[in-house]
Amino acid sequence: MTLPTQVTTELLEQLRAELQPQLDTLAQKLGISLQLGRIRYSRTDARMPVELCLLNASGTAVTPEMTALKALTAIPSHPLNGLDLSVPFESGGERFVLAGFNRRARKRPYLAKKVGDPDATYGFPANYVERLLGKRTA
């Protein structure tokens, strides 16, 4: 095997592919969630944070984004107050479940995961989600 001369996306993809299963095994042993974050790199080095989250009673990770969503929807005047956030909604012919709220995202702060593809997270505009899910209460 030859040593790499620079950090490439192929090298990082291979590294992620080998690290994530080991993190999954460790996480299962400890009863937590461990996910590799966004990889930042240059030609000579790379950094990849590891996100640790506790699990709730149903076994899903309690992410900072989900905590922010629950805090936001707990406000009595919020349009989604009192709604079951785990019920899927439909957008563009696909079904999604709310996964969190990103306070730093101005245009698409609501995060949702596609039903059947839990690895992909999509951002949705606030007025769209509030209008779409607010119909449930009417």
Foldseek 3Di string as FASTA:
>chain_A
DDDDPWDDPVVVVVVQVVVPVVQVVVCVVVQWDWDWADWDDDGHDIDIDIDIFHADPVSDGDDPFAVQVVVQLCPPVQLNNPPDQQDWFDDPNFIWGWDGAQPVDQAFGTWIATVPGRVDIDGHGPVVVSVRNSVVVD
